[in-house]
Amino acid sequence: MKYTAKDGWRENKIKQRQVANAIKNKLPEDVNLSLVMEVLKNQNEY
């Protein structure tokens, strides 16, 4: 996440997709990616 998320990724659909793909490659298939993305969007650190 730290290395993939570019500035302004929360407002940009393409950047969001890049972050989601990076996360999807690291997590097991049964994880709800949309839920993970919602949590990340609401975190101030990223």
Protein backbone atom coordinates (compact mmCIF):
# COMPACT_ATOMS: atom_id res chain seq x y z
CA MET A 1 0.00 0.00 0.00
CA LYS A 2 2.72 2.46 0.95
CA TYR A 3 4.59 1.99 -2.30
CA THR A 4 1.58 1.71 -4.62
CA ALA A 5 -0.73 4.48 -3.40
CA LYS A 6 0.01 7.70 -5.21
CA ASP A 7 -0.97 11.13 -4.04
CA GLY A 8 -4.71 11.70 -4.41
CA TRP A 9 -5.58 8.02 -4.85
CA ARG A 10 -8.82 8.36 -2.89
CA GLU A 11 -10.31 10.75 -5.46
CA ASN A 12 -8.99 9.06 -8.60
CA LYS A 13 -10.65 5.87 -9.89
CA ILE A 14 -7.59 4.73 -11.86
CA LYS A 15 -5.30 5.16 -8.86
CA GLN A 16 -7.86 3.34 -6.69
CA ARG A 17 -7.81 0.44 -9.14
CA GLN A 18 -3.99 0.30 -9.00
CA VAL A 19 -4.11 0.15 -5.21
CA ALA A 20 -6.84 -2.50 -5.28
CA ASN A 21 -4.84 -4.66 -7.70
CA ALA A 22 -1.73 -4.41 -5.54
CA ILE A 23 -3.72 -5.42 -2.46
CA LYS A 24 -5.52 -8.21 -4.31
CA ASN A 25 -2.17 -9.75 -5.26
CA LYS A 26 -1.11 -9.93 -1.60
CA LEU A 27 -4.31 -11.12 0.07
CA PRO A 28 -6.07 -14.50 -0.10
CA GLU A 29 -8.85 -14.79 -2.68
CA ASP A 30 -11.63 -15.11 -0.08
CA VAL A 31 -11.03 -11.60 1.33
CA ASN A 32 -13.68 -8.99 0.53
CA LEU A 33 -11.59 -6.46 -1.42
CA SER A 34 -14.27 -3.76 -1.45
CA LEU A 35 -14.43 -3.87 2.35
CA VAL A 36 -10.64 -3.60 2.61
CA MET A 37 -10.65 -0.64 0.22
CA GLU A 38 -13.33 1.14 2.28
CA VAL A 39 -11.24 0.71 5.42
CA LEU A 40 -8.14 2.05 3.67
CA LYS A 41 -9.98 5.04 2.24
CA ASN A 42 -11.10 6.00 5.74
CA GLN A 43 -7.57 5.78 7.21
CA ASN A 44 -5.67 9.05 7.37
CA GLU A 45 -2.23 7.43 7.28
CA TYR A 46 -2.50 6.31 3.64
